[in-house]
Amino acid sequence: MDQINQTNIEDAAELKFGSEFDDIDILSNAQVAVILQVSARSAVNRDEELHDVYRKTQKYVERYNTMTNKEKNNQELVKELDNLQDVLTTLRKETDAGEELELHGFEVAALMNLVATDTAVEEAVTLIPSLSRFPEAVIDEILDLIRTTMIRIVS
């Protein structure tokens, strides 16, 4: 049998991931940023030095984290981000053909990382091709949910 046929090919556009990604929670950059901030503060309080890889990861997620507000405490941010992730993860929409659609964890995190206040449906589908299975109106509704949360966080 052909080697390619024996191997499961991973393809994010088709939501095909390796078995190591089964039953895991995927975090957004904003969620990782909060976790790393709390962990860094804890390390400083214990007089521990942060590893270079840790600092680089922290710098990366902070650079691409669009959902942040220095005036809000971490508990408020975590609550908003967790609520948004829960809403998106449990969102169910039915197509005209009667098929029930839901967002994959990868799509939830990718959308949370992507969305800015002006993100359009076409941009979201281009960057996350698996969203194309949803009607445009549903994607727009999802983007509005994320924008609303983002506005609450940053204001």
N, C-alpha and C. Protein backbone atom coordinates (compact mmCIF):
# COMPACT_ATOMS: atom_id res chain seq x y z
N MET A 1 0.85 -1.19 0.00
CA MET A 1 0.00 0.00 0.00
C MET A 1 0.88 1.24 0.00
N ASP A 2 0.44 2.26 -0.62
CA ASP A 2 1.16 3.51 -0.75
C ASP A 2 1.35 4.16 0.62
N GLN A 3 2.55 4.70 0.87
CA GLN A 3 2.88 5.32 2.15
C GLN A 3 1.93 6.48 2.48
N ILE A 4 1.56 7.26 1.47
CA ILE A 4 0.67 8.39 1.70
C ILE A 4 -0.70 7.92 2.16
N ASN A 5 -1.20 6.83 1.60
CA ASN A 5 -2.51 6.31 2.00
C ASN A 5 -2.50 5.78 3.42
N GLN A 6 -1.34 5.35 3.90
CA GLN A 6 -1.25 4.80 5.25
C GLN A 6 -1.13 5.89 6.31
N THR A 7 -0.70 7.06 5.91
CA THR A 7 -0.47 8.15 6.83
C THR A 7 -1.66 9.10 6.84
N ASN A 8 -2.09 9.47 8.02
CA ASN A 8 -3.12 10.50 8.12
C ASN A 8 -2.47 11.85 7.85
N ILE A 9 -2.94 12.51 6.83
CA ILE A 9 -2.39 13.81 6.47
C ILE A 9 -3.11 14.89 7.26
N GLU A 10 -2.32 15.73 7.94
CA GLU A 10 -2.89 16.82 8.72
C GLU A 10 -3.17 17.99 7.78
N ASP A 11 -4.32 18.62 7.97
CA ASP A 11 -4.73 19.73 7.13
C ASP A 11 -5.69 20.61 7.91
N ALA A 12 -5.19 21.77 8.35
CA ALA A 12 -6.02 22.68 9.15
C ALA A 12 -7.24 23.16 8.37
N ALA A 13 -7.11 23.35 7.08
CA ALA A 13 -8.23 23.81 6.26
C ALA A 13 -9.38 22.81 6.27
N GLU A 14 -9.04 21.54 6.46
CA GLU A 14 -10.04 20.47 6.52
C GLU A 14 -10.32 20.03 7.95
N LEU A 15 -9.72 20.72 8.91
CA LEU A 15 -9.83 20.39 10.34
C LEU A 15 -9.36 18.97 10.64
N LYS A 16 -8.31 18.56 9.96
CA LYS A 16 -7.70 17.24 10.20
C LYS A 16 -6.40 17.46 10.95
N PHE A 17 -6.36 16.96 12.17
CA PHE A 17 -5.20 17.12 13.02
C PHE A 17 -4.76 15.74 13.50
N GLY A 18 -3.52 15.63 13.92
CA GLY A 18 -3.02 14.37 14.43
C GLY A 18 -3.72 13.97 15.72
N SER A 19 -3.60 12.72 16.07
CA SER A 19 -4.26 12.20 17.27
C SER A 19 -3.79 12.90 18.55
N GLU A 20 -2.58 13.47 18.51
CA GLU A 20 -2.10 14.17 19.70
C GLU A 20 -2.92 15.43 20.00
N PHE A 21 -3.76 15.85 19.06
CA PHE A 21 -4.61 17.02 19.26
C PHE A 21 -6.04 16.65 19.65
N ASP A 22 -6.30 15.38 19.84
CA ASP A 22 -7.62 14.95 20.30
C ASP A 22 -7.80 15.33 21.77
N ASP A 23 -8.97 15.78 22.12
CA ASP A 23 -9.33 16.05 23.51
C ASP A 23 -8.41 17.05 24.21
N ILE A 24 -8.03 18.11 23.50
CA ILE A 24 -7.24 19.16 24.15
C ILE A 24 -7.96 20.49 23.96
N ASP A 25 -7.68 21.42 24.84
CA ASP A 25 -8.20 22.77 24.71
C ASP A 25 -7.13 23.61 24.02
N ILE A 26 -7.53 24.34 23.02
CA ILE A 26 -6.61 25.21 22.30
C ILE A 26 -6.83 26.62 22.83
N LEU A 27 -5.75 27.29 23.18
CA LEU A 27 -5.83 28.62 23.76
C LEU A 27 -5.53 29.70 22.74
N SER A 28 -6.13 30.84 22.92
CA SER A 28 -5.83 32.01 22.09
C SER A 28 -4.56 32.68 22.62
N ASN A 29 -4.00 33.57 21.81
CA ASN A 29 -2.84 34.35 22.26
C ASN A 29 -3.17 35.14 23.52
N ALA A 30 -4.38 35.69 23.59
CA ALA A 30 -4.78 36.47 24.76
C ALA A 30 -4.79 35.61 26.02
N GLN A 31 -5.28 34.40 25.90
CA GLN A 31 -5.31 33.50 27.06
C GLN A 31 -3.90 33.11 27.48
N VAL A 32 -3.05 32.81 26.51
CA VAL A 32 -1.67 32.45 26.82
C VAL A 32 -0.95 33.65 27.45
N ALA A 33 -1.20 34.85 26.94
CA ALA A 33 -0.57 36.05 27.49
C ALA A 33 -0.90 36.22 28.98
N VAL A 34 -2.16 36.03 29.33
CA VAL A 34 -2.56 36.16 30.74
C VAL A 34 -1.87 35.10 31.59
N ILE A 35 -1.85 33.88 31.12
CA ILE A 35 -1.20 32.79 31.87
C ILE A 35 0.28 33.09 32.08
N LEU A 36 0.95 33.55 31.03
CA LEU A 36 2.38 33.84 31.14
C LEU A 36 2.64 35.04 32.05
N GLN A 37 1.76 36.05 32.02
CA GLN A 37 1.93 37.21 32.91
C GLN A 37 1.84 36.79 34.37
N VAL A 38 0.85 35.99 34.68
CA VAL A 38 0.67 35.53 36.05
C VAL A 38 1.85 34.67 36.49
N SER A 39 2.27 33.78 35.60
CA SER A 39 3.40 32.90 35.90
C SER A 39 4.70 33.70 36.08
N ALA A 40 4.89 34.73 35.26
CA ALA A 40 6.10 35.55 35.36
C ALA A 40 6.12 36.31 36.69
N ARG A 41 4.98 36.86 37.07
CA ARG A 41 4.91 37.57 38.36
C ARG A 41 5.22 36.63 39.52
N SER A 42 4.70 35.43 39.42
CA SER A 42 4.95 34.43 40.46
C SER A 42 6.44 34.08 40.52
N ALA A 43 7.07 33.94 39.37
CA ALA A 43 8.50 33.61 39.33
C ALA A 43 9.33 34.75 39.92
N VAL A 44 8.95 35.99 39.62
CA VAL A 44 9.67 37.15 40.16
C VAL A 44 9.53 37.17 41.68
N ASN A 45 8.34 36.88 42.17
CA ASN A 45 8.12 36.86 43.62
C ASN A 45 8.95 35.78 44.30
N ARG A 46 9.29 34.72 43.59
CA ARG A 46 10.11 33.64 44.15
C ARG A 46 11.60 33.82 43.79
N ASP A 47 11.95 34.97 43.24
CA ASP A 47 13.32 35.26 42.81
C ASP A 47 13.86 34.25 41.81
N GLU A 48 12.98 33.78 40.93
CA GLU A 48 13.40 32.85 39.88
C GLU A 48 13.60 33.62 38.59
N GLU A 49 14.60 33.20 37.83
CA GLU A 49 14.87 33.84 36.56
C GLU A 49 14.05 33.15 35.46
N LEU A 50 13.49 33.97 34.57
CA LEU A 50 12.71 33.42 33.47
C LEU A 50 13.63 32.96 32.35
N HIS A 51 13.35 31.80 31.81
CA HIS A 51 14.12 31.23 30.71
C HIS A 51 13.93 32.08 29.46
N ASP A 52 14.95 32.12 28.61
CA ASP A 52 14.91 32.92 27.39
C ASP A 52 13.74 32.53 26.49
N VAL A 53 13.46 31.25 26.36
CA VAL A 53 12.33 30.79 25.53
C VAL A 53 11.02 31.30 26.12
N TYR A 54 10.91 31.31 27.43
CA TYR A 54 9.72 31.82 28.10
C TYR A 54 9.51 33.29 27.75
N ARG A 55 10.58 34.08 27.87
CA ARG A 55 10.48 35.52 27.57
C ARG A 55 10.12 35.76 26.11
N LYS A 56 10.70 34.99 25.19
CA LYS A 56 10.39 35.14 23.77
C LYS A 56 8.94 34.77 23.48
N THR A 57 8.45 33.72 24.12
CA THR A 57 7.05 33.33 23.95
C THR A 57 6.14 34.42 24.48
N GLN A 58 6.48 34.94 25.64
CA GLN A 58 5.68 36.00 26.24
C GLN A 58 5.67 37.23 25.32
N LYS A 59 6.80 37.59 24.78
CA LYS A 59 6.88 38.75 23.88
C LYS A 59 6.03 38.52 22.63
N TYR A 60 6.07 37.30 22.10
CA TYR A 60 5.28 36.97 20.90
C TYR A 60 3.79 37.11 21.16
N VAL A 61 3.29 36.46 22.21
CA VAL A 61 1.84 36.51 22.44
C VAL A 61 1.37 37.91 22.81
N GLU A 62 2.21 38.68 23.50
CA GLU A 62 1.83 40.05 23.81
C GLU A 62 1.79 40.90 22.55
N ARG A 63 2.69 40.63 21.62
CA ARG A 63 2.73 41.39 20.36
C ARG A 63 1.46 41.16 19.54
N TYR A 64 0.97 39.93 19.52
CA TYR A 64 -0.18 39.59 18.69
C TYR A 64 -1.49 39.51 19.47
N ASN A 65 -1.46 39.86 20.71
CA ASN A 65 -2.66 39.83 21.54
C ASN A 65 -3.46 41.12 21.32
N THR A 66 -4.61 40.99 20.69
CA THR A 66 -5.45 42.17 20.43
C THR A 66 -6.44 42.42 21.56
N MET A 67 -6.57 41.48 22.47
CA MET A 67 -7.56 41.62 23.54
C MET A 67 -6.85 41.83 24.87
N THR A 68 -6.49 43.07 25.11
CA THR A 68 -5.80 43.37 26.36
C THR A 68 -6.21 44.75 26.86
N ASN A 69 -6.12 44.93 28.16
CA ASN A 69 -6.42 46.21 28.78
C ASN A 69 -5.67 46.23 30.10
N LYS A 70 -4.66 47.07 30.18
CA LYS A 70 -3.81 47.13 31.38
C LYS A 70 -4.57 47.60 32.61
N GLU A 71 -5.72 48.26 32.39
CA GLU A 71 -6.51 48.76 33.52
C GLU A 71 -7.38 47.67 34.15
N LYS A 72 -7.55 46.56 33.46
CA LYS A 72 -8.36 45.46 34.00
C LYS A 72 -7.43 44.42 34.61
N ASN A 73 -7.89 43.81 35.69
CA ASN A 73 -7.05 42.79 36.30
C ASN A 73 -7.18 41.47 35.53
N ASN A 74 -6.26 40.58 35.80
CA ASN A 74 -6.21 39.31 35.07
C ASN A 74 -7.48 38.48 35.24
N GLN A 75 -8.10 38.54 36.41
CA GLN A 75 -9.32 37.76 36.63
C GLN A 75 -10.44 38.23 35.71
N GLU A 76 -10.55 39.54 35.52
CA GLU A 76 -11.58 40.07 34.61
C GLU A 76 -11.31 39.62 33.17
N LEU A 77 -10.04 39.71 32.76
CA LEU A 77 -9.68 39.30 31.40
C LEU A 77 -9.92 37.81 31.18
N VAL A 78 -9.51 37.01 32.15
CA VAL A 78 -9.70 35.56 32.04
C VAL A 78 -11.18 35.23 31.94
N LYS A 79 -11.99 35.89 32.77
CA LYS A 79 -13.44 35.63 32.74
C LYS A 79 -14.02 35.98 31.37
N GLU A 80 -13.67 37.15 30.82
CA GLU A 80 -14.16 37.55 29.50
C GLU A 80 -13.70 36.57 28.42
N LEU A 81 -12.43 36.21 28.44
CA LEU A 81 -11.88 35.31 27.42
C LEU A 81 -12.48 33.92 27.53
N ASP A 82 -12.60 33.42 28.75
CA ASP A 82 -13.20 32.09 28.95
C ASP A 82 -14.66 32.07 28.52
N ASN A 83 -15.40 33.15 28.86
CA ASN A 83 -16.80 33.22 28.44
C ASN A 83 -16.91 33.23 26.92
N LEU A 84 -16.06 34.00 26.27
CA LEU A 84 -16.07 34.05 24.81
C LEU A 84 -15.74 32.68 24.22
N GLN A 85 -14.73 32.04 24.76
CA GLN A 85 -14.36 30.71 24.26
C GLN A 85 -15.50 29.72 24.47
N ASP A 86 -16.17 29.78 25.62
CA ASP A 86 -17.30 28.88 25.88
C ASP A 86 -18.44 29.13 24.90
N VAL A 87 -18.77 30.40 24.66
CA VAL A 87 -19.85 30.74 23.73
C VAL A 87 -19.52 30.21 22.33
N LEU A 88 -18.29 30.44 21.89
CA LEU A 88 -17.90 30.00 20.54
C LEU A 88 -17.82 28.48 20.44
N THR A 89 -17.37 27.84 21.50
CA THR A 89 -17.24 26.38 21.48
C THR A 89 -18.60 25.69 21.49
N THR A 90 -19.57 26.30 22.15
CA THR A 90 -20.89 25.67 22.24
C THR A 90 -21.87 26.17 21.18
N LEU A 91 -21.43 27.11 20.35
CA LEU A 91 -22.28 27.65 19.29
C LEU A 91 -22.66 26.55 18.30
N ARG A 92 -23.94 26.44 18.01
CA ARG A 92 -24.44 25.47 17.03
C ARG A 92 -25.32 26.21 16.04
N LYS A 93 -25.07 25.99 14.78
CA LYS A 93 -25.87 26.62 13.73
C LYS A 93 -26.29 25.56 12.73
N GLU A 94 -27.50 25.71 12.23
CA GLU A 94 -28.04 24.75 11.27
C GLU A 94 -28.03 25.37 9.88
N THR A 95 -27.57 24.59 8.90
CA THR A 95 -27.56 25.05 7.51
C THR A 95 -28.96 24.90 6.93
N ASP A 96 -29.15 25.46 5.73
CA ASP A 96 -30.44 25.32 5.04
C ASP A 96 -30.77 23.86 4.78
N ALA A 97 -29.73 23.03 4.66
CA ALA A 97 -29.93 21.59 4.40
C ALA A 97 -30.20 20.82 5.69
N GLY A 98 -30.21 21.50 6.84
CA GLY A 98 -30.51 20.84 8.10
C GLY A 98 -29.29 20.28 8.82
N GLU A 99 -28.09 20.52 8.30
CA GLU A 99 -26.86 20.03 8.93
C GLU A 99 -26.48 20.98 10.07
N GLU A 100 -26.18 20.39 11.24
CA GLU A 100 -25.76 21.20 12.39
C GLU A 100 -24.26 21.42 12.32
N LEU A 101 -23.86 22.69 12.41
CA LEU A 101 -22.45 23.05 12.34
C LEU A 101 -21.99 23.62 13.68
N GLU A 102 -20.75 23.32 14.02
CA GLU A 102 -20.15 23.90 15.21
C GLU A 102 -18.70 24.24 14.91
N LEU A 103 -18.16 25.18 15.68
CA LEU A 103 -16.77 25.56 15.50
C LEU A 103 -15.85 24.55 16.15
N HIS A 104 -14.77 24.24 15.49
CA HIS A 104 -13.71 23.39 16.04
C HIS A 104 -12.86 24.26 16.97
N GLY A 105 -12.24 23.67 17.96
CA GLY A 105 -11.39 24.41 18.89
C GLY A 105 -10.31 25.21 18.19
N PHE A 106 -9.75 24.65 17.12
CA PHE A 106 -8.75 25.37 16.32
C PHE A 106 -9.34 26.65 15.75
N GLU A 107 -10.57 26.57 15.23
CA GLU A 107 -11.22 27.74 14.65
C GLU A 107 -11.51 28.79 15.72
N VAL A 108 -11.93 28.34 16.89
CA VAL A 108 -12.22 29.27 17.98
C VAL A 108 -10.97 30.07 18.33
N ALA A 109 -9.85 29.38 18.56
CA ALA A 109 -8.61 30.08 18.91
C ALA A 109 -8.12 30.95 17.76
N ALA A 110 -8.20 30.45 16.54
CA ALA A 110 -7.76 31.23 15.39
C ALA A 110 -8.60 32.50 15.24
N LEU A 111 -9.91 32.38 15.42
CA LEU A 111 -10.77 33.56 15.34
C LEU A 111 -10.47 34.56 16.46
N MET A 112 -10.25 34.06 17.66
CA MET A 112 -9.93 34.95 18.77
C MET A 112 -8.60 35.67 18.53
N ASN A 113 -7.68 35.01 17.84
CA ASN A 113 -6.39 35.63 17.52
C ASN A 113 -6.52 36.61 16.36
N LEU A 114 -7.42 36.34 15.46
CA LEU A 114 -7.54 37.11 14.22
C LEU A 114 -8.32 38.39 14.37
N VAL A 115 -9.42 38.33 15.06
CA VAL A 115 -10.43 39.37 14.97
C VAL A 115 -9.96 40.70 15.53
N ALA A 116 -10.09 41.70 14.69
CA ALA A 116 -9.95 43.10 15.07
C ALA A 116 -11.32 43.72 14.83
N THR A 117 -11.48 44.95 15.21
CA THR A 117 -12.80 45.56 15.10
C THR A 117 -13.29 45.67 13.66
N ASP A 118 -12.39 45.57 12.70
CA ASP A 118 -12.79 45.71 11.30
C ASP A 118 -12.62 44.43 10.48
N THR A 119 -12.51 43.29 11.12
CA THR A 119 -12.34 42.04 10.39
C THR A 119 -13.61 41.70 9.63
N ALA A 120 -13.45 41.44 8.33
CA ALA A 120 -14.58 41.11 7.46
C ALA A 120 -14.70 39.60 7.31
N VAL A 121 -15.87 39.15 6.91
CA VAL A 121 -16.13 37.72 6.70
C VAL A 121 -15.13 37.15 5.70
N GLU A 122 -14.91 37.86 4.60
CA GLU A 122 -14.01 37.36 3.55
C GLU A 122 -12.60 37.15 4.08
N GLU A 123 -12.12 38.07 4.93
CA GLU A 123 -10.79 37.96 5.52
C GLU A 123 -10.72 36.73 6.43
N ALA A 124 -11.74 36.54 7.25
CA ALA A 124 -11.76 35.40 8.16
C ALA A 124 -11.73 34.09 7.39
N VAL A 125 -12.51 33.98 6.33
CA VAL A 125 -12.55 32.74 5.54
C VAL A 125 -11.24 32.53 4.80
N THR A 126 -10.63 33.60 4.33
CA THR A 126 -9.34 33.47 3.64
C THR A 126 -8.27 32.95 4.59
N LEU A 127 -8.25 33.47 5.81
CA LEU A 127 -7.23 33.06 6.77
C LEU A 127 -7.56 31.76 7.51
N ILE A 128 -8.85 31.43 7.57
CA ILE A 128 -9.29 30.19 8.23
C ILE A 128 -10.24 29.50 7.25
N PRO A 129 -9.70 28.82 6.24
CA PRO A 129 -10.52 28.26 5.15
C PRO A 129 -11.62 27.31 5.59
N SER A 130 -11.45 26.64 6.72
CA SER A 130 -12.47 25.70 7.18
C SER A 130 -13.79 26.40 7.52
N LEU A 131 -13.76 27.71 7.73
CA LEU A 131 -14.99 28.46 8.02
C LEU A 131 -15.92 28.52 6.81
N SER A 132 -15.43 28.20 5.64
CA SER A 132 -16.23 28.30 4.43
C SER A 132 -17.46 27.38 4.47
N ARG A 133 -17.49 26.43 5.37
CA ARG A 133 -18.65 25.54 5.47
C ARG A 133 -19.84 26.24 6.12
N PHE A 134 -19.60 27.39 6.76
CA PHE A 134 -20.66 28.18 7.39
C PHE A 134 -21.22 29.20 6.41
N PRO A 135 -22.52 29.47 6.50
CA PRO A 135 -23.07 30.58 5.71
C PRO A 135 -22.43 31.90 6.15
N GLU A 136 -22.33 32.83 5.22
CA GLU A 136 -21.69 34.12 5.50
C GLU A 136 -22.34 34.84 6.69
N ALA A 137 -23.65 34.78 6.80
CA ALA A 137 -24.36 35.44 7.90
C ALA A 137 -23.94 34.87 9.25
N VAL A 138 -23.69 33.59 9.32
CA VAL A 138 -23.27 32.96 10.57
C VAL A 138 -21.86 33.41 10.93
N ILE A 139 -20.98 33.46 9.95
CA ILE A 139 -19.61 33.92 10.21
C ILE A 139 -19.64 35.36 10.71
N ASP A 140 -20.47 36.18 10.10
CA ASP A 140 -20.59 37.57 10.53
C ASP A 140 -21.10 37.64 11.97
N GLU A 141 -22.04 36.79 12.33
CA GLU A 141 -22.56 36.73 13.70
C GLU A 141 -21.44 36.35 14.67
N ILE A 142 -20.61 35.38 14.28
CA ILE A 142 -19.48 34.94 15.11
C ILE A 142 -18.50 36.09 15.28
N LEU A 143 -18.18 36.77 14.21
CA LEU A 143 -17.26 37.91 14.27
C LEU A 143 -17.81 39.01 15.17
N ASP A 144 -19.13 39.24 15.11
CA ASP A 144 -19.75 40.24 15.98
C ASP A 144 -19.63 39.87 17.46
N LEU A 145 -19.80 38.58 17.77
CA LEU A 145 -19.63 38.11 19.15
C LEU A 145 -18.22 38.43 19.65
N ILE A 146 -17.24 38.15 18.82
CA ILE A 146 -15.85 38.39 19.21
C ILE A 146 -15.58 39.88 19.32
N ARG A 147 -16.06 40.66 18.35
CA ARG A 147 -15.86 42.12 18.40
C ARG A 147 -16.47 42.72 19.66
N THR A 148 -17.67 42.27 20.02
CA THR A 148 -18.35 42.78 21.21
C THR A 148 -17.52 42.51 22.46
N THR A 149 -16.99 41.29 22.56
CA THR A 149 -16.14 40.96 23.71
C THR A 149 -14.87 41.79 23.68
N MET A 150 -14.29 41.93 22.52
CA MET A 150 -13.04 42.70 22.38
C MET A 150 -13.27 44.15 22.82
N ILE A 151 -14.38 44.72 22.41
CA ILE A 151 -14.68 46.11 22.79
C ILE A 151 -14.86 46.21 24.31
N ARG A 152 -15.52 45.22 24.91
CA ARG A 152 -15.70 45.22 26.38
C ARG A 152 -14.33 45.14 27.07
N ILE A 153 -13.43 44.35 26.52
CA ILE A 153 -12.12 44.16 27.15
C ILE A 153 -11.27 45.43 27.04
N VAL A 154 -11.22 46.01 25.87
CA VAL A 154 -10.29 47.14 25.65
C VAL A 154 -10.85 48.47 26.12
N SER A 155 -12.14 48.55 26.41
CA SER A 155 -12.69 49.85 26.85
C SER A 155 -12.88 49.92 28.35
